[in-house]
Amino acid sequence: MMKDSCVNGIAKGVLVADNISEKSLKEVKFVCKKYNVPIYSLGISMDEVGIKLGKKIGICSVCDKGFMKKIGSVLEEIQNDTEIL
């Protein structure tokens, strides 16, 4: 779903939990770099996301521009130095 929203140009940002796997983070970085989508760290684990939202997730794309702007102002952006070949 995150990949689809980036490919289709509707993702305004991607949020990631602190404890996603290195493989998952690498894939998120690749997709976001390719489609020019910023990535932000939630600063909490997937378990904590699950407690707050009622569903355990580690990666979430945000498609609303205004909502992403507000979230982005309080979260730390992850620097994406991934090279696209």
Protein backbone atom coordinates (compact mmCIF):
# COMPACT_ATOMS: atom_id res chain seq x y z
CA MET A 1 0.00 0.00 0.00
CA MET A 2 2.79 2.47 0.84
CA LYS A 3 4.54 1.64 -2.40
CA ASP A 4 1.33 2.04 -4.42
CA SER A 5 0.59 5.47 -2.95
CA CYS A 6 4.14 6.62 -3.77
CA VAL A 7 4.03 5.21 -7.31
CA ASN A 8 0.63 6.79 -7.96
CA GLY A 9 1.84 10.17 -6.67
CA ILE A 10 -0.67 10.47 -3.85
CA ALA A 11 1.71 9.95 -0.88
CA LYS A 12 2.83 13.22 0.66
CA GLY A 13 5.08 11.51 3.21
CA VAL A 14 5.88 8.14 4.75
CA LEU A 15 6.03 7.47 8.50
CA VAL A 16 8.13 4.63 9.92
CA ALA A 17 8.29 3.08 13.38
CA ASP A 18 11.67 2.89 15.09
CA ASN A 19 11.91 -0.88 15.05
CA ILE A 20 11.17 -1.82 11.45
CA SER A 21 13.73 -4.17 9.93
CA GLU A 22 16.76 -2.86 8.04
CA LYS A 23 15.41 -4.59 4.92
CA SER A 24 12.06 -2.81 5.22
CA LEU A 25 13.73 0.55 5.84
CA LYS A 26 15.99 0.01 2.83
CA GLU A 27 12.95 -0.69 0.62
CA VAL A 28 11.08 2.35 1.99
CA LYS A 29 14.10 4.55 1.32
CA PHE A 30 14.46 3.21 -2.23
CA VAL A 31 10.79 3.77 -3.13
CA CYS A 32 10.65 7.20 -1.47
CA LYS A 33 13.84 8.36 -3.17
CA LYS A 34 12.60 7.16 -6.55
CA TYR A 35 9.27 8.99 -6.20
CA ASN A 36 10.57 11.99 -4.20
CA VAL A 37 8.53 11.33 -1.03
CA PRO A 38 9.94 12.39 2.38
CA ILE A 39 10.31 9.82 5.18
CA TYR A 40 9.76 10.61 8.86
CA SER A 41 10.55 8.65 12.00
CA LEU A 42 7.61 8.26 14.37
CA GLY A 43 9.97 7.95 17.34
CA ILE A 44 8.00 4.99 18.71
CA SER A 45 7.93 1.22 18.15
CA MET A 46 5.36 -0.79 16.19
CA ASP A 47 3.91 -2.03 19.48
CA GLU A 48 3.37 1.54 20.66
CA VAL A 49 1.72 2.40 17.33
CA GLY A 50 -0.52 -0.62 17.84
CA ILE A 51 -1.56 0.56 21.29
CA LYS A 52 -2.37 4.06 20.01
CA LEU A 53 -4.09 3.10 16.74
CA GLY A 54 -5.42 -0.35 17.52
CA LYS A 55 -3.39 -1.88 14.69
CA LYS A 56 0.29 -2.85 14.79
CA ILE A 57 2.00 -1.22 11.82
CA GLY A 58 5.53 -0.11 11.07
CA ILE A 59 5.15 1.83 7.81
CA CYS A 60 2.38 4.24 6.90
CA SER A 61 1.95 6.63 3.98
CA VAL A 62 0.11 9.91 4.49
CA CYS A 63 -1.86 11.20 1.50
CA ASP A 64 -3.28 14.46 2.87
CA LYS A 65 -0.96 17.42 2.19
CA GLY A 66 -2.09 19.56 5.15
CA PHE A 67 -1.97 16.67 7.61
CA MET A 68 1.50 15.68 6.40
CA LYS A 69 2.73 19.27 6.70
CA LYS A 70 1.62 19.38 10.35
CA ILE A 71 3.02 15.92 11.19
CA GLY A 72 6.27 16.76 9.41
CA SER A 73 6.71 19.84 11.56
CA VAL A 74 6.92 17.75 14.75
CA LEU A 75 8.69 14.61 13.51
CA GLU A 76 12.30 14.05 12.50
CA GLU A 77 12.86 13.60 8.78
CA ILE A 78 15.05 10.63 7.86
CA GLN A 79 17.84 11.62 5.49
CA ASN A 80 17.59 9.54 2.35
CA ASP A 81 20.96 9.07 0.66
CA THR A 82 19.86 6.01 -1.30
CA GLU A 83 21.23 5.85 -4.82
CA ILE A 84 18.86 5.00 -7.66
CA LEU A 85 20.57 3.08 -10.46
